Amino acid sequence: MTAHVFVDETKERGLLIAAVVVLPGDLTAARRSIRDLILPGQRRIHFHKERDDRRRQIIDAVLALSAHAVIFDAKDHRHARAAREACLIELVEHAAKIGASRLVLERDDSTFRADQRLLFEQVRKCGADGTLRYDQLRAHEECLLAIPDALAWCWAKGGRWKDSIRRMVSESRQV
């Protein structure tokens, strides 16, 4: 499949990770669509800081993309570190299973080193070393990280927000 998987999280109600799968042929159009949403003076889209009318505009644009998402929900874990590890393990297994060639996570400086070690180990355990590359980037370095940012926020918020993006989510996993 050689998909690219873009990943962000929310910790608002326990850890929840959104992984958005985009095929290589759709990357250019997706990036153009997201870049067109970045307002003058904005370095990136940060969904939780947007007004509701702007959130709806972003959601409409995201739903028009050729992409789908998987939600990894670890809210039942008592410890943040265990929750994160469980999500990342499932994420790498999923990426390897679908034949993804690239995994892009929004960089979190507080977990960067631990994530790096875990990703390295899991990619090897899944037999995907050499085929699955992973990067930890800041949101302004890869505009497509705005998509999982929006989806994670909506899913965690629940109600109408969750309903608004549900058709893009192909699977939700409790980890």
N, C-alpha and C. Protein backbone atom coordinates (compact mmCIF):
# COMPACT_ATOMS: atom_id res chain seq x y z
N MET A 1 0.83 -1.19 0.00
CA MET A 1 0.00 0.00 0.00
C MET A 1 0.88 1.26 0.00
N THR A 2 1.99 1.25 0.67
CA THR A 2 2.93 2.38 0.80
C THR A 2 2.26 3.67 1.28
N ALA A 3 1.31 3.55 2.13
CA ALA A 3 0.61 4.71 2.69
C ALA A 3 1.53 5.51 3.61
N HIS A 4 1.15 6.75 3.81
CA HIS A 4 1.77 7.59 4.81
C HIS A 4 0.74 7.73 5.93
N VAL A 5 1.20 7.61 7.17
CA VAL A 5 0.31 7.68 8.32
C VAL A 5 0.73 8.88 9.17
N PHE A 6 -0.21 9.80 9.40
CA PHE A 6 0.04 11.02 10.16
C PHE A 6 -0.67 10.90 11.50
N VAL A 7 0.05 11.20 12.58
CA VAL A 7 -0.41 10.85 13.92
C VAL A 7 -0.35 12.05 14.87
N ASP A 8 -1.42 12.24 15.61
CA ASP A 8 -1.43 13.21 16.70
C ASP A 8 -2.28 12.65 17.82
N GLU A 9 -2.27 13.32 18.93
CA GLU A 9 -2.93 12.82 20.12
C GLU A 9 -3.66 13.93 20.86
N THR A 10 -4.49 13.50 21.78
CA THR A 10 -5.05 14.40 22.77
C THR A 10 -4.98 13.66 24.10
N LYS A 11 -4.76 14.42 25.14
CA LYS A 11 -4.68 13.84 26.49
C LYS A 11 -5.82 14.38 27.36
N GLU A 12 -6.80 15.01 26.71
CA GLU A 12 -7.86 15.69 27.43
C GLU A 12 -8.68 14.78 28.34
N ARG A 13 -9.07 13.63 27.86
CA ARG A 13 -9.86 12.66 28.65
C ARG A 13 -9.18 11.31 28.61
N GLY A 14 -7.90 11.28 28.93
CA GLY A 14 -7.11 10.07 28.76
C GLY A 14 -6.49 10.11 27.38
N LEU A 15 -5.49 9.32 27.15
CA LEU A 15 -4.77 9.36 25.88
C LEU A 15 -5.58 8.77 24.74
N LEU A 16 -5.64 9.52 23.67
CA LEU A 16 -6.31 9.10 22.46
C LEU A 16 -5.43 9.52 21.29
N ILE A 17 -5.14 8.59 20.41
CA ILE A 17 -4.28 8.88 19.26
C ILE A 17 -5.09 8.67 17.98
N ALA A 18 -4.99 9.66 17.09
CA ALA A 18 -5.61 9.56 15.77
C ALA A 18 -4.51 9.34 14.75
N ALA A 19 -4.68 8.33 13.91
CA ALA A 19 -3.74 8.01 12.84
C ALA A 19 -4.47 8.13 11.51
N VAL A 20 -4.02 9.06 10.69
CA VAL A 20 -4.67 9.33 9.40
C VAL A 20 -3.83 8.73 8.29
N VAL A 21 -4.46 7.92 7.47
CA VAL A 21 -3.79 7.20 6.39
C VAL A 21 -4.06 7.92 5.06
N VAL A 22 -2.96 8.32 4.40
CA VAL A 22 -3.05 9.00 3.11
C VAL A 22 -2.17 8.25 2.12
N LEU A 23 -2.71 7.92 0.97
CA LEU A 23 -1.93 7.24 -0.06
C LEU A 23 -1.01 8.24 -0.77
N PRO A 24 0.14 7.78 -1.25
CA PRO A 24 1.11 8.69 -1.87
C PRO A 24 0.53 9.56 -2.99
N GLY A 25 -0.34 9.01 -3.80
CA GLY A 25 -0.93 9.77 -4.89
C GLY A 25 -1.86 10.88 -4.44
N ASP A 26 -2.26 10.85 -3.18
CA ASP A 26 -3.17 11.86 -2.64
C ASP A 26 -2.47 12.91 -1.77
N LEU A 27 -1.17 12.73 -1.55
CA LEU A 27 -0.43 13.62 -0.64
C LEU A 27 -0.40 15.08 -1.12
N THR A 28 -0.12 15.30 -2.39
CA THR A 28 0.00 16.67 -2.90
C THR A 28 -1.32 17.41 -2.76
N ALA A 29 -2.40 16.80 -3.18
CA ALA A 29 -3.71 17.44 -3.07
C ALA A 29 -4.10 17.69 -1.61
N ALA A 30 -3.80 16.73 -0.74
CA ALA A 30 -4.11 16.89 0.68
C ALA A 30 -3.32 18.05 1.28
N ARG A 31 -2.04 18.12 0.97
CA ARG A 31 -1.22 19.22 1.49
C ARG A 31 -1.72 20.57 0.98
N ARG A 32 -2.07 20.62 -0.28
CA ARG A 32 -2.59 21.87 -0.85
C ARG A 32 -3.86 22.30 -0.12
N SER A 33 -4.74 21.35 0.11
CA SER A 33 -6.01 21.63 0.78
C SER A 33 -5.79 22.16 2.19
N ILE A 34 -4.89 21.53 2.93
CA ILE A 34 -4.62 21.96 4.31
C ILE A 34 -3.89 23.30 4.31
N ARG A 35 -2.91 23.48 3.44
CA ARG A 35 -2.19 24.77 3.38
C ARG A 35 -3.13 25.92 3.07
N ASP A 36 -4.14 25.66 2.23
CA ASP A 36 -5.11 26.70 1.88
C ASP A 36 -5.94 27.14 3.09
N LEU A 37 -6.00 26.31 4.10
CA LEU A 37 -6.76 26.63 5.32
C LEU A 37 -5.95 27.45 6.33
N ILE A 38 -4.65 27.48 6.17
CA ILE A 38 -3.80 28.22 7.11
C ILE A 38 -3.98 29.71 6.84
N LEU A 39 -4.40 30.44 7.87
CA LEU A 39 -4.69 31.86 7.73
C LEU A 39 -3.41 32.70 7.75
N PRO A 40 -3.45 33.89 7.17
CA PRO A 40 -2.29 34.79 7.26
C PRO A 40 -1.91 34.99 8.74
N GLY A 41 -0.65 34.88 9.01
CA GLY A 41 -0.17 35.03 10.39
C GLY A 41 -0.13 33.72 11.16
N GLN A 42 -0.78 32.69 10.65
CA GLN A 42 -0.74 31.38 11.30
C GLN A 42 0.45 30.60 10.77
N ARG A 43 1.12 29.91 11.65
CA ARG A 43 2.20 29.03 11.24
C ARG A 43 1.67 27.64 10.92
N ARG A 44 0.54 27.32 11.55
CA ARG A 44 -0.08 26.00 11.41
C ARG A 44 -1.51 26.08 11.90
N ILE A 45 -2.26 25.04 11.64
CA ILE A 45 -3.61 24.93 12.20
C ILE A 45 -3.50 24.19 13.51
N HIS A 46 -4.01 24.78 14.57
CA HIS A 46 -4.08 24.11 15.87
C HIS A 46 -5.55 24.10 16.25
N PHE A 47 -6.18 22.96 16.07
CA PHE A 47 -7.64 22.84 16.10
C PHE A 47 -8.28 23.37 17.37
N HIS A 48 -7.70 23.08 18.52
CA HIS A 48 -8.37 23.48 19.77
C HIS A 48 -8.37 24.99 19.96
N LYS A 49 -7.55 25.71 19.22
CA LYS A 49 -7.50 27.17 19.34
C LYS A 49 -8.41 27.87 18.33
N GLU A 50 -9.06 27.11 17.47
CA GLU A 50 -9.92 27.70 16.44
C GLU A 50 -11.33 27.95 16.97
N ARG A 51 -12.01 28.91 16.34
CA ARG A 51 -13.42 29.18 16.64
C ARG A 51 -14.27 28.06 16.04
N ASP A 52 -15.47 27.90 16.54
CA ASP A 52 -16.33 26.81 16.06
C ASP A 52 -16.63 26.90 14.56
N ASP A 53 -16.88 28.10 14.04
CA ASP A 53 -17.16 28.21 12.61
C ASP A 53 -15.94 27.81 11.78
N ARG A 54 -14.79 28.14 12.26
CA ARG A 54 -13.55 27.76 11.57
C ARG A 54 -13.32 26.25 11.70
N ARG A 55 -13.64 25.68 12.86
CA ARG A 55 -13.53 24.23 13.03
C ARG A 55 -14.39 23.51 12.01
N ARG A 56 -15.61 24.00 11.80
CA ARG A 56 -16.50 23.36 10.82
C ARG A 56 -15.90 23.46 9.42
N GLN A 57 -15.29 24.60 9.10
CA GLN A 57 -14.64 24.77 7.79
C GLN A 57 -13.50 23.76 7.62
N ILE A 58 -12.71 23.59 8.66
CA ILE A 58 -11.58 22.65 8.62
C ILE A 58 -12.10 21.22 8.47
N ILE A 59 -13.12 20.88 9.24
CA ILE A 59 -13.70 19.53 9.16
C ILE A 59 -14.22 19.26 7.76
N ASP A 60 -14.92 20.21 7.17
CA ASP A 60 -15.44 20.02 5.81
C ASP A 60 -14.31 19.73 4.83
N ALA A 61 -13.21 20.48 4.96
CA ALA A 61 -12.06 20.27 4.06
C ALA A 61 -11.42 18.91 4.31
N VAL A 62 -11.30 18.52 5.56
CA VAL A 62 -10.68 17.23 5.91
C VAL A 62 -11.54 16.07 5.39
N LEU A 63 -12.85 16.18 5.52
CA LEU A 63 -13.74 15.12 5.06
C LEU A 63 -13.72 14.97 3.54
N ALA A 64 -13.34 16.02 2.84
CA ALA A 64 -13.28 15.97 1.37
C ALA A 64 -12.01 15.28 0.87
N LEU A 65 -11.05 15.03 1.75
CA LEU A 65 -9.79 14.42 1.36
C LEU A 65 -9.95 12.91 1.14
N SER A 66 -9.06 12.35 0.35
CA SER A 66 -9.00 10.90 0.18
C SER A 66 -8.11 10.34 1.28
N ALA A 67 -8.69 10.12 2.42
CA ALA A 67 -7.96 9.63 3.59
C ALA A 67 -8.94 8.97 4.53
N HIS A 68 -8.41 8.15 5.41
CA HIS A 68 -9.23 7.59 6.49
C HIS A 68 -8.38 7.54 7.75
N ALA A 69 -9.04 7.29 8.86
CA ALA A 69 -8.33 7.33 10.14
C ALA A 69 -8.66 6.13 11.01
N VAL A 70 -7.72 5.84 11.89
CA VAL A 70 -7.90 4.84 12.93
C VAL A 70 -7.66 5.55 14.25
N ILE A 71 -8.54 5.32 15.22
CA ILE A 71 -8.41 5.92 16.55
C ILE A 71 -7.91 4.84 17.50
N PHE A 72 -6.87 5.17 18.25
CA PHE A 72 -6.33 4.29 19.29
C PHE A 72 -6.65 4.95 20.63
N ASP A 73 -7.51 4.33 21.41
CA ASP A 73 -8.02 4.92 22.64
C ASP A 73 -7.47 4.17 23.85
N ALA A 74 -6.68 4.86 24.64
CA ALA A 74 -6.06 4.24 25.82
C ALA A 74 -6.55 4.86 27.11
N LYS A 75 -7.76 5.39 27.10
CA LYS A 75 -8.26 6.09 28.29
C LYS A 75 -8.43 5.19 29.50
N ASP A 76 -8.50 3.89 29.30
CA ASP A 76 -8.67 2.98 30.43
C ASP A 76 -7.37 2.67 31.17
N HIS A 77 -6.24 3.09 30.61
CA HIS A 77 -4.95 2.89 31.29
C HIS A 77 -4.83 3.88 32.45
N ARG A 78 -4.29 3.41 33.55
CA ARG A 78 -4.13 4.27 34.72
C ARG A 78 -2.91 5.18 34.61
N HIS A 79 -1.89 4.71 33.93
CA HIS A 79 -0.64 5.47 33.87
C HIS A 79 -0.41 5.98 32.45
N ALA A 80 -0.03 7.23 32.35
CA ALA A 80 0.17 7.88 31.05
C ALA A 80 1.22 7.17 30.21
N ARG A 81 2.30 6.76 30.83
CA ARG A 81 3.37 6.11 30.09
C ARG A 81 2.91 4.77 29.50
N ALA A 82 2.20 3.98 30.30
CA ALA A 82 1.68 2.70 29.80
C ALA A 82 0.68 2.92 28.68
N ALA A 83 -0.14 3.94 28.81
CA ALA A 83 -1.12 4.25 27.76
C ALA A 83 -0.42 4.61 26.46
N ARG A 84 0.60 5.44 26.56
CA ARG A 84 1.34 5.86 25.37
C ARG A 84 2.03 4.67 24.70
N GLU A 85 2.68 3.84 25.51
CA GLU A 85 3.36 2.67 24.96
C GLU A 85 2.38 1.74 24.26
N ALA A 86 1.23 1.51 24.88
CA ALA A 86 0.22 0.63 24.28
C ALA A 86 -0.26 1.19 22.94
N CYS A 87 -0.50 2.49 22.88
CA CYS A 87 -0.94 3.12 21.64
C CYS A 87 0.13 3.03 20.55
N LEU A 88 1.37 3.32 20.92
CA LEU A 88 2.43 3.30 19.91
C LEU A 88 2.69 1.88 19.39
N ILE A 89 2.60 0.90 20.27
CA ILE A 89 2.77 -0.49 19.84
C ILE A 89 1.69 -0.86 18.82
N GLU A 90 0.44 -0.56 19.15
CA GLU A 90 -0.68 -0.84 18.24
C GLU A 90 -0.54 -0.05 16.94
N LEU A 91 -0.10 1.18 17.05
CA LEU A 91 0.07 2.04 15.88
C LEU A 91 1.09 1.46 14.91
N VAL A 92 2.24 1.06 15.42
CA VAL A 92 3.28 0.50 14.56
C VAL A 92 2.81 -0.82 13.95
N GLU A 93 2.15 -1.65 14.73
CA GLU A 93 1.62 -2.90 14.20
C GLU A 93 0.63 -2.64 13.06
N HIS A 94 -0.22 -1.64 13.25
CA HIS A 94 -1.20 -1.29 12.22
C HIS A 94 -0.50 -0.77 10.97
N ALA A 95 0.47 0.11 11.16
CA ALA A 95 1.21 0.67 10.01
C ALA A 95 1.91 -0.43 9.24
N ALA A 96 2.53 -1.36 9.95
CA ALA A 96 3.22 -2.48 9.29
C ALA A 96 2.21 -3.37 8.56
N LYS A 97 1.08 -3.63 9.19
CA LYS A 97 0.06 -4.49 8.60
C LYS A 97 -0.48 -3.93 7.29
N ILE A 98 -0.67 -2.62 7.21
CA ILE A 98 -1.21 -2.03 5.98
C ILE A 98 -0.11 -1.72 4.97
N GLY A 99 1.13 -2.01 5.32
CA GLY A 99 2.23 -1.77 4.40
C GLY A 99 2.60 -0.32 4.26
N ALA A 100 2.42 0.46 5.32
CA ALA A 100 2.78 1.88 5.28
C ALA A 100 4.28 2.04 5.09
N SER A 101 4.65 3.06 4.38
CA SER A 101 6.07 3.33 4.18
C SER A 101 6.57 4.45 5.10
N ARG A 102 5.65 5.24 5.62
CA ARG A 102 6.06 6.36 6.47
C ARG A 102 5.04 6.59 7.58
N LEU A 103 5.58 6.83 8.76
CA LEU A 103 4.79 7.13 9.94
C LEU A 103 5.30 8.48 10.45
N VAL A 104 4.41 9.47 10.52
CA VAL A 104 4.80 10.82 10.95
C VAL A 104 4.01 11.17 12.20
N LEU A 105 4.73 11.31 13.31
CA LEU A 105 4.11 11.67 14.58
C LEU A 105 4.43 13.12 14.89
N GLU A 106 3.44 13.82 15.49
CA GLU A 106 3.75 15.17 15.96
C GLU A 106 4.71 15.03 17.13
N ARG A 107 5.78 15.76 17.08
CA ARG A 107 6.83 15.66 18.09
C ARG A 107 6.35 16.24 19.42
N ASP A 108 6.58 15.47 20.45
CA ASP A 108 6.32 15.88 21.83
C ASP A 108 7.66 15.77 22.55
N ASP A 109 8.25 16.92 22.86
CA ASP A 109 9.59 16.91 23.45
C ASP A 109 9.66 16.13 24.76
N SER A 110 8.55 16.10 25.50
CA SER A 110 8.57 15.41 26.79
C SER A 110 8.64 13.88 26.64
N THR A 111 8.28 13.37 25.47
CA THR A 111 8.30 11.92 25.26
C THR A 111 9.19 11.51 24.09
N PHE A 112 9.90 12.47 23.52
CA PHE A 112 10.66 12.23 22.29
C PHE A 112 11.59 11.03 22.39
N ARG A 113 12.47 11.00 23.37
CA ARG A 113 13.46 9.91 23.49
C ARG A 113 12.80 8.55 23.72
N ALA A 114 11.84 8.52 24.63
CA ALA A 114 11.14 7.25 24.91
C ALA A 114 10.39 6.77 23.67
N ASP A 115 9.74 7.70 22.97
CA ASP A 115 9.03 7.34 21.74
C ASP A 115 10.01 6.80 20.70
N GLN A 116 11.16 7.45 20.58
CA GLN A 116 12.17 7.04 19.60
C GLN A 116 12.60 5.59 19.84
N ARG A 117 12.88 5.28 21.11
CA ARG A 117 13.29 3.90 21.45
C ARG A 117 12.18 2.90 21.16
N LEU A 118 10.97 3.23 21.58
CA LEU A 118 9.85 2.32 21.38
C LEU A 118 9.55 2.12 19.89
N LEU A 119 9.57 3.19 19.12
CA LEU A 119 9.32 3.07 17.69
C LEU A 119 10.38 2.19 17.02
N PHE A 120 11.63 2.40 17.38
CA PHE A 120 12.72 1.61 16.83
C PHE A 120 12.50 0.12 17.12
N GLU A 121 12.20 -0.19 18.39
CA GLU A 121 11.97 -1.59 18.78
C GLU A 121 10.78 -2.20 18.07
N GLN A 122 9.68 -1.47 18.01
CA GLN A 122 8.45 -2.01 17.43
C GLN A 122 8.56 -2.20 15.93
N VAL A 123 9.21 -1.28 15.25
CA VAL A 123 9.39 -1.44 13.80
C VAL A 123 10.18 -2.72 13.53
N ARG A 124 11.20 -2.97 14.33
CA ARG A 124 11.99 -4.21 14.16
C ARG A 124 11.15 -5.44 14.49
N LYS A 125 10.40 -5.40 15.61
CA LYS A 125 9.58 -6.55 16.00
C LYS A 125 8.54 -6.89 14.94
N CYS A 126 8.03 -5.88 14.25
CA CYS A 126 7.02 -6.10 13.21
C CYS A 126 7.64 -6.50 11.88
N GLY A 127 8.98 -6.54 11.85
CA GLY A 127 9.65 -6.91 10.61
C GLY A 127 9.57 -5.83 9.54
N ALA A 128 9.39 -4.59 9.96
CA ALA A 128 9.21 -3.49 9.00
C ALA A 128 10.43 -2.58 8.92
N ASP A 129 11.55 -2.96 9.59
CA ASP A 129 12.74 -2.12 9.46
C ASP A 129 13.21 -2.19 8.01
N GLY A 130 13.50 -1.05 7.46
CA GLY A 130 13.87 -0.98 6.05
C GLY A 130 12.70 -0.66 5.15
N THR A 131 11.47 -0.87 5.64
CA THR A 131 10.30 -0.54 4.82
C THR A 131 9.42 0.54 5.45
N LEU A 132 9.43 0.65 6.77
CA LEU A 132 8.63 1.65 7.47
C LEU A 132 9.55 2.67 8.12
N ARG A 133 9.49 3.88 7.62
CA ARG A 133 10.27 4.99 8.18
C ARG A 133 9.37 5.77 9.13
N TYR A 134 9.92 6.25 10.21
CA TYR A 134 9.14 7.08 11.13
C TYR A 134 9.87 8.38 11.39
N ASP A 135 9.08 9.43 11.53
CA ASP A 135 9.60 10.76 11.82
C ASP A 135 8.76 11.38 12.92
N GLN A 136 9.41 12.15 13.76
CA GLN A 136 8.72 12.93 14.78
C GLN A 136 8.97 14.40 14.43
N LEU A 137 7.93 15.05 13.91
CA LEU A 137 8.06 16.41 13.41
C LEU A 137 7.16 17.37 14.17
N ARG A 138 7.52 18.62 14.15
CA ARG A 138 6.66 19.66 14.71
C ARG A 138 5.53 19.91 13.71
N ALA A 139 4.40 20.34 14.22
CA ALA A 139 3.21 20.50 13.37
C ALA A 139 3.44 21.47 12.21
N HIS A 140 4.24 22.48 12.40
CA HIS A 140 4.49 23.42 11.30
C HIS A 140 5.42 22.84 10.24
N GLU A 141 6.09 21.75 10.54
CA GLU A 141 6.99 21.11 9.58
C GLU A 141 6.25 20.18 8.61
N GLU A 142 5.07 19.73 8.99
CA GLU A 142 4.25 18.86 8.14
C GLU A 142 2.79 19.26 8.33
N CYS A 143 2.25 19.97 7.35
CA CYS A 143 0.89 20.50 7.49
C CYS A 143 -0.16 19.41 7.65
N LEU A 144 0.10 18.20 7.16
CA LEU A 144 -0.90 17.13 7.28
C LEU A 144 -1.09 16.65 8.71
N LEU A 145 -0.24 17.08 9.62
CA LEU A 145 -0.46 16.77 11.03
C LEU A 145 -1.68 17.51 11.58
N ALA A 146 -2.18 18.48 10.84
CA ALA A 146 -3.41 19.18 11.24
C ALA A 146 -4.61 18.24 11.18
N ILE A 147 -4.56 17.24 10.32
CA ILE A 147 -5.70 16.32 10.17
C ILE A 147 -5.88 15.47 11.43
N PRO A 148 -4.86 14.73 11.88
CA PRO A 148 -5.08 13.96 13.11
C PRO A 148 -5.30 14.86 14.33
N ASP A 149 -4.75 16.07 14.31
CA ASP A 149 -5.00 17.03 15.39
C ASP A 149 -6.50 17.31 15.49
N ALA A 150 -7.12 17.58 14.35
CA ALA A 150 -8.55 17.87 14.32
C ALA A 150 -9.37 16.65 14.71
N LEU A 151 -9.02 15.49 14.17
CA LEU A 151 -9.79 14.28 14.45
C LEU A 151 -9.69 13.87 15.91
N ALA A 152 -8.50 13.94 16.48
CA ALA A 152 -8.32 13.57 17.89
C ALA A 152 -9.15 14.49 18.78
N TRP A 153 -9.12 15.78 18.48
CA TRP A 153 -9.88 16.75 19.28
C TRP A 153 -11.37 16.44 19.18
N CYS A 154 -11.87 16.25 17.96
CA CYS A 154 -13.30 15.98 17.76
C CYS A 154 -13.74 14.68 18.44
N TRP A 155 -12.93 13.64 18.31
CA TRP A 155 -13.29 12.34 18.89
C TRP A 155 -13.35 12.44 20.41
N ALA A 156 -12.36 13.11 20.99
CA ALA A 156 -12.33 13.25 22.46
C ALA A 156 -13.44 14.16 22.96
N LYS A 157 -13.78 15.17 22.18
CA LYS A 157 -14.82 16.12 22.58
C LYS A 157 -16.18 15.43 22.63
N GLY A 158 -16.39 14.51 21.70
CA GLY A 158 -17.64 13.75 21.68
C GLY A 158 -18.79 14.53 21.06
N GLY A 159 -19.99 14.01 21.24
CA GLY A 159 -21.20 14.68 20.76
C GLY A 159 -21.17 14.99 19.28
N ARG A 160 -21.61 16.20 18.94
CA ARG A 160 -21.70 16.60 17.53
C ARG A 160 -20.34 16.64 16.85
N TRP A 161 -19.29 16.93 17.64
CA TRP A 161 -17.96 16.99 17.04
C TRP A 161 -17.51 15.60 16.60
N LYS A 162 -17.71 14.64 17.46
CA LYS A 162 -17.35 13.27 17.12
C LYS A 162 -18.20 12.78 15.93
N ASP A 163 -19.49 13.08 15.98
CA ASP A 163 -20.37 12.68 14.89
C ASP A 163 -19.95 13.30 13.56
N SER A 164 -19.42 14.52 13.60
CA SER A 164 -19.06 15.23 12.37
C SER A 164 -17.91 14.59 11.61
N ILE A 165 -17.07 13.83 12.30
CA ILE A 165 -15.90 13.22 11.64
C ILE A 165 -15.98 11.70 11.59
N ARG A 166 -17.04 11.14 12.14
CA ARG A 166 -17.16 9.68 12.27
C ARG A 166 -16.99 8.94 10.94
N ARG A 167 -17.49 9.51 9.84
CA ARG A 167 -17.40 8.79 8.57
C ARG A 167 -15.97 8.66 8.05
N MET A 168 -15.06 9.47 8.58
CA MET A 168 -13.66 9.38 8.17
C MET A 168 -12.91 8.30 8.97
N VAL A 169 -13.46 7.93 10.11
CA VAL A 169 -12.82 6.96 11.00
C VAL A 169 -13.25 5.56 10.61
N SER A 170 -12.29 4.80 10.09
CA SER A 170 -12.59 3.44 9.63
C SER A 170 -12.60 2.44 10.78
N GLU A 171 -11.92 2.80 11.87
CA GLU A 171 -11.81 1.87 13.00
C GLU A 171 -11.44 2.64 14.26
N SER A 172 -12.00 2.19 15.38
CA SER A 172 -11.64 2.71 16.69
C SER A 172 -11.25 1.52 17.56
N ARG A 173 -10.05 1.60 18.13
CA ARG A 173 -9.53 0.48 18.94
C ARG A 173 -9.30 0.91 20.37
N GLN A 174 -9.77 0.09 21.31
CA GLN A 174 -9.40 0.26 22.71
C GLN A 174 -8.08 -0.45 22.91
N VAL A 175 -7.10 0.24 23.45
CA VAL A 175 -5.80 -0.39 23.67
C VAL A 175 -5.44 -0.40 25.13
